[in-house]
Amino acid sequence: MARGGQGLARVAVVVRAGAAPMWWLGVFAAGIGVLVPGLTGRRIGVAAGAALFLLGAAVVALASRGRYAALARGAARAGRYDILQDRAVTVRNWRRGHRWWLLAAFLAALGSSFAVPAAGGMLLAGLGTGLRLKAAWLGRRERAEETLLWVRVDWLDARGGRPAGRAVKALRGTGVAAGDAAPGGARRRTAALV
């Protein structure tokens, strides 16, 4: 990259990338799992699944918030020659890097239905919901500070994830009109005014 520029990925997009596949795989696994009577019976399975859904969503949504906040406070302005990665590229990299993990989680959720119907699928859907909630929290922070948060692509893990992992030493910031994703990592609904 010219003159020391870095490839940057949006933090909220990386966080949000796994939300949809985890949610839909979880819903699908729970839907199939509720058809299996299982060892505990459907009513107990669905009740346990609801508790796991809430617990999983809460744990994921609240995990590492302090680390994200500390990195956001120390965010430096992105340089003129930094290259902002498209939202679609960031999402594709995360999903490609995690595809086998997602498949294994889906199969585990399906398999668990023979013991506790629908519970594994509901847990997986809850984890996806937690990622969506964390991305929304990041989006509120970005709007309040009027700064979009970016992480160097080479500091993400080999699967394109962990935007607040140990390898991440600092974040970069841009104005809210930069890039093709809105605060929180969703697609922009309208073209940004520059």
C-alpha atoms as a PDB file:
ATOM      1  CA  MET A   1       0.000   0.000   0.000  1.00  0.00           C
ATOM      2  CA  ALA A   2       1.259   3.411  -0.884  1.00  0.00           C
ATOM      3  CA  ARG A   3       3.093   5.532   1.684  1.00  0.00           C
ATOM      4  CA  GLY A   4       2.483   3.278   4.659  1.00  0.00           C
ATOM      5  CA  GLY A   5      -1.292   2.978   4.280  1.00  0.00           C
ATOM      6  CA  GLN A   6      -3.108   0.041   5.866  1.00  0.00           C
ATOM      7  CA  GLY A   7      -6.111  -2.038   4.910  1.00  0.00           C
ATOM      8  CA  LEU A   8      -8.858  -1.300   7.453  1.00  0.00           C
ATOM      9  CA  ALA A   9     -12.043  -3.260   8.231  1.00  0.00           C
ATOM     10  CA  ARG A  10     -15.003  -1.869  10.167  1.00  0.00           C
ATOM     11  CA  VAL A  11     -15.113  -3.232  13.711  1.00  0.00           C
ATOM     12  CA  ALA A  12     -18.923  -3.339  13.822  1.00  0.00           C
ATOM     13  CA  VAL A  13     -19.074  -5.173  10.483  1.00  0.00           C
ATOM     14  CA  VAL A  14     -16.689  -7.867  11.748  1.00  0.00           C
ATOM     15  CA  VAL A  15     -18.775  -8.252  14.920  1.00  0.00           C
ATOM     16  CA  ARG A  16     -22.037  -8.360  12.986  1.00  0.00           C
ATOM     17  CA  ALA A  17     -20.804 -10.732  10.247  1.00  0.00           C
ATOM     18  CA  GLY A  18     -21.675 -13.873  12.200  1.00  0.00           C
ATOM     19  CA  ALA A  19     -25.054 -12.705  13.501  1.00  0.00           C
ATOM     20  CA  ALA A  20     -27.231 -13.671  10.529  1.00  0.00           C
ATOM     21  CA  PRO A  21     -25.750 -17.124   9.820  1.00  0.00           C
ATOM     22  CA  MET A  22     -25.793 -18.073  13.508  1.00  0.00           C
ATOM     23  CA  TRP A  23     -29.386 -16.836  13.900  1.00  0.00           C
ATOM     24  CA  TRP A  24     -30.713 -18.678  10.828  1.00  0.00           C
ATOM     25  CA  LEU A  25     -28.785 -21.896  11.484  1.00  0.00           C
ATOM     26  CA  GLY A  26     -30.039 -21.793  15.080  1.00  0.00           C
ATOM     27  CA  VAL A  27     -33.652 -21.218  14.040  1.00  0.00           C
ATOM     28  CA  PHE A  28     -33.418 -24.032  11.473  1.00  0.00           C
ATOM     29  CA  ALA A  29     -31.830 -26.422  14.003  1.00  0.00           C
ATOM     30  CA  ALA A  30     -34.446 -25.527  16.635  1.00  0.00           C
ATOM     31  CA  GLY A  31     -37.250 -26.015  14.119  1.00  0.00           C
ATOM     32  CA  ILE A  32     -36.011 -29.479  13.222  1.00  0.00           C
ATOM     33  CA  GLY A  33     -35.155 -30.250  16.845  1.00  0.00           C
ATOM     34  CA  VAL A  34     -38.660 -29.540  18.090  1.00  0.00           C
ATOM     35  CA  LEU A  35     -39.889 -32.409  15.896  1.00  0.00           C
ATOM     36  CA  VAL A  36     -37.764 -34.868  17.910  1.00  0.00           C
ATOM     37  CA  PRO A  37     -39.277 -35.878  21.265  1.00  0.00           C
ATOM     38  CA  GLY A  38     -35.822 -36.231  22.868  1.00  0.00           C
ATOM     39  CA  LEU A  39     -35.015 -37.530  26.346  1.00  0.00           C
ATOM     40  CA  THR A  40     -36.490 -34.581  28.225  1.00  0.00           C
ATOM     41  CA  GLY A  41     -39.569 -33.983  26.095  1.00  0.00           C
ATOM     42  CA  ARG A  42     -40.411 -30.978  23.941  1.00  0.00           C
ATOM     43  CA  ARG A  43     -41.779 -28.708  26.654  1.00  0.00           C
ATOM     44  CA  ILE A  44     -38.681 -28.983  28.841  1.00  0.00           C
ATOM     45  CA  GLY A  45     -36.447 -28.711  25.759  1.00  0.00           C
ATOM     46  CA  VAL A  46     -38.092 -25.504  24.556  1.00  0.00           C
ATOM     47  CA  ALA A  47     -38.047 -24.004  28.075  1.00  0.00           C
ATOM     48  CA  ALA A  48     -34.353 -24.863  28.450  1.00  0.00           C
ATOM     49  CA  GLY A  49     -33.736 -23.481  24.965  1.00  0.00           C
ATOM     50  CA  ALA A  50     -35.407 -20.193  25.841  1.00  0.00           C
ATOM     51  CA  ALA A  51     -33.185 -19.855  28.909  1.00  0.00           C
ATOM     52  CA  LEU A  52     -30.092 -20.716  26.841  1.00  0.00           C
ATOM     53  CA  PHE A  53     -31.151 -18.222  24.166  1.00  0.00           C
ATOM     54  CA  LEU A  54     -31.344 -15.387  26.708  1.00  0.00           C
ATOM     55  CA  LEU A  55     -28.134 -16.423  28.466  1.00  0.00           C
ATOM     56  CA  GLY A  56     -26.176 -16.794  25.210  1.00  0.00           C
ATOM     57  CA  ALA A  57     -27.411 -13.454  23.870  1.00  0.00           C
ATOM     58  CA  ALA A  58     -26.525 -11.657  27.105  1.00  0.00           C
ATOM     59  CA  VAL A  59     -23.053 -13.199  27.426  1.00  0.00           C
ATOM     60  CA  VAL A  60     -22.076 -12.449  23.830  1.00  0.00           C
ATOM     61  CA  ALA A  61     -23.558  -8.934  23.880  1.00  0.00           C
ATOM     62  CA  LEU A  62     -21.702  -7.986  27.070  1.00  0.00           C
ATOM     63  CA  ALA A  63     -18.405  -9.832  26.509  1.00  0.00           C
ATOM     64  CA  SER A  64     -15.307  -7.669  25.950  1.00  0.00           C
ATOM     65  CA  ARG A  65     -17.193  -4.355  26.113  1.00  0.00           C
ATOM     66  CA  GLY A  66     -14.456  -2.903  28.288  1.00  0.00           C
ATOM     67  CA  ARG A  67     -11.809  -3.851  25.709  1.00  0.00           C
ATOM     68  CA  TYR A  68     -13.855  -2.337  22.858  1.00  0.00           C
ATOM     69  CA  ALA A  69     -14.413   0.858  24.879  1.00  0.00           C
ATOM     70  CA  ALA A  70     -10.707   1.171  25.712  1.00  0.00           C
ATOM     71  CA  LEU A  71      -9.696   0.664  22.089  1.00  0.00           C
ATOM     72  CA  ALA A  72     -12.333   3.169  20.938  1.00  0.00           C
ATOM     73  CA  ARG A  73     -11.080   5.820  23.381  1.00  0.00           C
ATOM     74  CA  GLY A  74      -7.576   5.500  21.961  1.00  0.00           C
ATOM     75  CA  ALA A  75      -8.617   5.436  18.287  1.00  0.00           C
ATOM     76  CA  ALA A  76      -6.384   7.539  16.037  1.00  0.00           C
ATOM     77  CA  ARG A  77      -7.578   9.207  12.855  1.00  0.00           C
ATOM     78  CA  ALA A  78      -7.238   7.005   9.791  1.00  0.00           C
ATOM     79  CA  GLY A  79      -4.462   8.147   7.471  1.00  0.00           C
ATOM     80  CA  ARG A  80      -4.909   9.586   4.025  1.00  0.00           C
ATOM     81  CA  TYR A  81      -3.500   6.463   2.387  1.00  0.00           C
ATOM     82  CA  ASP A  82      -5.374   3.905   4.482  1.00  0.00           C
ATOM     83  CA  ILE A  83      -7.659   1.700   2.395  1.00  0.00           C
ATOM     84  CA  LEU A  84     -11.165   1.118   3.760  1.00  0.00           C
ATOM     85  CA  GLN A  85     -12.369  -2.414   3.108  1.00  0.00           C
ATOM     86  CA  ASP A  86     -15.868  -2.810   1.677  1.00  0.00           C
ATOM     87  CA  ARG A  87     -18.536  -4.216   3.980  1.00  0.00           C
ATOM     88  CA  ALA A  88     -19.188  -7.143   1.616  1.00  0.00           C
ATOM     89  CA  VAL A  89     -15.503  -8.137   1.628  1.00  0.00           C
ATOM     90  CA  THR A  90     -15.308  -8.045   5.432  1.00  0.00           C
ATOM     91  CA  VAL A  91     -18.478 -10.145   5.791  1.00  0.00           C
ATOM     92  CA  ARG A  92     -17.312 -12.631   3.136  1.00  0.00           C
ATOM     93  CA  ASN A  93     -13.906 -13.041   4.808  1.00  0.00           C
ATOM     94  CA  TRP A  94     -15.512 -13.710   8.206  1.00  0.00           C
ATOM     95  CA  ARG A  95     -18.027 -16.201   6.835  1.00  0.00           C
ATOM     96  CA  ARG A  96     -15.432 -18.057   4.765  1.00  0.00           C
ATOM     97  CA  GLY A  97     -13.101 -18.231   7.729  1.00  0.00           C
ATOM     98  CA  HIS A  98     -15.816 -19.542  10.048  1.00  0.00           C
ATOM     99  CA  ARG A  99     -17.781 -21.815   7.686  1.00  0.00           C
ATOM    100  CA  TRP A 100     -16.553 -25.072   9.237  1.00  0.00           C
ATOM    101  CA  TRP A 101     -17.166 -23.765  12.744  1.00  0.00           C
ATOM    102  CA  LEU A 102     -20.700 -22.765  11.725  1.00  0.00           C
ATOM    103  CA  LEU A 103     -21.325 -26.199  10.211  1.00  0.00           C
ATOM    104  CA  ALA A 104     -20.020 -27.939  13.343  1.00  0.00           C
ATOM    105  CA  ALA A 105     -22.186 -25.707  15.575  1.00  0.00           C
ATOM    106  CA  PHE A 106     -25.254 -26.463  13.451  1.00  0.00           C
ATOM    107  CA  LEU A 107     -24.628 -30.220  13.571  1.00  0.00           C
ATOM    108  CA  ALA A 108     -24.050 -30.065  17.340  1.00  0.00           C
ATOM    109  CA  ALA A 109     -27.306 -28.130  17.776  1.00  0.00           C
ATOM    110  CA  LEU A 110     -29.155 -30.736  15.707  1.00  0.00           C
ATOM    111  CA  GLY A 111     -27.546 -33.620  17.584  1.00  0.00           C
ATOM    112  CA  SER A 112     -28.399 -32.137  20.963  1.00  0.00           C
ATOM    113  CA  SER A 113     -32.091 -32.297  20.040  1.00  0.00           C
ATOM    114  CA  PHE A 114     -32.068 -36.045  20.710  1.00  0.00           C
ATOM    115  CA  ALA A 115     -31.393 -35.188  24.344  1.00  0.00           C
ATOM    116  CA  VAL A 116     -33.005 -31.751  24.800  1.00  0.00           C
ATOM    117  CA  PRO A 117     -35.247 -30.828  21.824  1.00  0.00           C
ATOM    118  CA  ALA A 118     -34.629 -27.417  20.224  1.00  0.00           C
ATOM    119  CA  ALA A 119     -32.305 -26.214  23.015  1.00  0.00           C
ATOM    120  CA  GLY A 120     -29.069 -26.302  21.001  1.00  0.00           C
ATOM    121  CA  GLY A 121     -30.625 -24.463  18.093  1.00  0.00           C
ATOM    122  CA  MET A 122     -32.069 -21.814  20.383  1.00  0.00           C
ATOM    123  CA  LEU A 123     -28.643 -21.339  22.002  1.00  0.00           C
ATOM    124  CA  LEU A 124     -27.041 -20.867  18.574  1.00  0.00           C
ATOM    125  CA  ALA A 125     -29.738 -18.334  17.632  1.00  0.00           C
ATOM    126  CA  GLY A 126     -29.099 -16.560  20.941  1.00  0.00           C
ATOM    127  CA  LEU A 127     -25.386 -16.260  20.156  1.00  0.00           C
ATOM    128  CA  GLY A 128     -26.263 -14.671  16.816  1.00  0.00           C
ATOM    129  CA  THR A 129     -28.634 -12.277  18.573  1.00  0.00           C
ATOM    130  CA  GLY A 130     -25.855 -11.351  21.007  1.00  0.00           C
ATOM    131  CA  LEU A 131     -23.567 -10.444  18.108  1.00  0.00           C
ATOM    132  CA  ARG A 132     -26.307  -8.248  16.625  1.00  0.00           C
ATOM    133  CA  LEU A 133     -26.790  -6.532  20.013  1.00  0.00           C
ATOM    134  CA  LYS A 134     -23.050  -5.936  20.379  1.00  0.00           C
ATOM    135  CA  ALA A 135     -22.882  -4.425  16.880  1.00  0.00           C
ATOM    136  CA  ALA A 136     -25.854  -2.184  17.758  1.00  0.00           C
ATOM    137  CA  TRP A 137     -24.049  -1.065  20.931  1.00  0.00           C
ATOM    138  CA  LEU A 138     -20.968  -0.234  18.836  1.00  0.00           C
ATOM    139  CA  GLY A 139     -23.211   1.660  16.426  1.00  0.00           C
ATOM    140  CA  ARG A 140     -24.686   3.786  19.210  1.00  0.00           C
ATOM    141  CA  ARG A 141     -21.170   4.573  20.384  1.00  0.00           C
ATOM    142  CA  GLU A 142     -20.101   5.484  16.840  1.00  0.00           C
ATOM    143  CA  ARG A 143     -23.102   7.806  16.418  1.00  0.00           C
ATOM    144  CA  ALA A 144     -22.527   9.470  19.792  1.00  0.00           C
ATOM    145  CA  GLU A 145     -18.851  10.097  19.044  1.00  0.00           C
ATOM    146  CA  GLU A 146     -19.442  10.735  15.317  1.00  0.00           C
ATOM    147  CA  THR A 147     -16.562   8.388  14.548  1.00  0.00           C
ATOM    148  CA  LEU A 148     -16.633   5.057  12.730  1.00  0.00           C
ATOM    149  CA  LEU A 149     -14.207   2.526  14.226  1.00  0.00           C
ATOM    150  CA  TRP A 150     -11.852   0.531  12.001  1.00  0.00           C
ATOM    151  CA  VAL A 151      -9.293  -2.186  12.693  1.00  0.00           C
ATOM    152  CA  ARG A 152      -6.253  -3.129  10.633  1.00  0.00           C
ATOM    153  CA  VAL A 153      -7.031  -6.191   8.532  1.00  0.00           C
ATOM    154  CA  ASP A 154      -3.660  -7.771   9.324  1.00  0.00           C
ATOM    155  CA  TRP A 155      -4.494  -7.618  13.058  1.00  0.00           C
ATOM    156  CA  LEU A 156      -7.618  -9.755  12.655  1.00  0.00           C
ATOM    157  CA  ASP A 157      -7.185 -13.472  13.256  1.00  0.00           C
ATOM    158  CA  ALA A 158      -6.637 -15.957  10.419  1.00  0.00           C
ATOM    159  CA  ARG A 159     -10.427 -16.398  10.034  1.00  0.00           C
ATOM    160  CA  GLY A 160     -11.102 -12.648   9.719  1.00  0.00           C
ATOM    161  CA  GLY A 161     -12.503 -12.228  13.231  1.00  0.00           C
ATOM    162  CA  ARG A 162     -11.594 -10.987  16.743  1.00  0.00           C
ATOM    163  CA  PRO A 163     -11.576  -7.219  16.137  1.00  0.00           C
ATOM    164  CA  ALA A 164     -10.716  -6.636  19.802  1.00  0.00           C
ATOM    165  CA  GLY A 165      -8.314  -9.566  20.191  1.00  0.00           C
ATOM    166  CA  ARG A 166      -4.822  -9.446  21.677  1.00  0.00           C
ATOM    167  CA  ALA A 167      -3.231  -8.719  18.303  1.00  0.00           C
ATOM    168  CA  VAL A 168      -5.236  -5.493  17.999  1.00  0.00           C
ATOM    169  CA  LYS A 169      -3.142  -2.700  19.466  1.00  0.00           C
ATOM    170  CA  ALA A 170      -5.317   0.270  18.444  1.00  0.00           C
ATOM    171  CA  LEU A 171      -8.273   1.240  16.303  1.00  0.00           C
ATOM    172  CA  ARG A 172      -8.544   3.911  13.649  1.00  0.00           C
ATOM    173  CA  GLY A 173     -11.406   6.364  13.281  1.00  0.00           C
ATOM    174  CA  THR A 174     -13.073   8.108  10.359  1.00  0.00           C
ATOM    175  CA  GLY A 175     -16.064  10.389   9.912  1.00  0.00           C
ATOM    176  CA  VAL A 176     -19.510   8.774   9.841  1.00  0.00           C
ATOM    177  CA  ALA A 177     -19.789   9.143   6.048  1.00  0.00           C
ATOM    178  CA  ALA A 178     -16.729   6.952   5.331  1.00  0.00           C
ATOM    179  CA  GLY A 179     -17.117   3.480   3.900  1.00  0.00           C
ATOM    180  CA  ASP A 180     -20.248   1.691   2.720  1.00  0.00           C
ATOM    181  CA  ALA A 181     -21.638   0.613   6.122  1.00  0.00           C
ATOM    182  CA  ALA A 182     -23.731   2.637   8.552  1.00  0.00           C
ATOM    183  CA  PRO A 183     -22.858   2.936  12.256  1.00  0.00           C
ATOM    184  CA  GLY A 184     -23.352  -0.535  13.748  1.00  0.00           C
ATOM    185  CA  GLY A 185     -22.203  -2.314  10.590  1.00  0.00           C
ATOM    186  CA  ALA A 186     -25.478  -2.509   8.644  1.00  0.00           C
ATOM    187  CA  ARG A 187     -25.687  -1.603   4.971  1.00  0.00           C
ATOM    188  CA  ARG A 188     -26.239   2.077   4.331  1.00  0.00           C
ATOM    189  CA  ARG A 189     -29.857   2.666   3.340  1.00  0.00           C
ATOM    190  CA  THR A 190     -29.129   5.872   1.453  1.00  0.00           C
ATOM    191  CA  ALA A 191     -26.042   7.297  -0.143  1.00  0.00           C
ATOM    192  CA  ALA A 192     -23.967   9.247   2.365  1.00  0.00           C
ATOM    193  CA  LEU A 193     -23.560  12.962   1.735  1.00  0.00           C
ATOM    194  CA  VAL A 194     -19.912  13.792   1.393  1.00  0.00           C
END
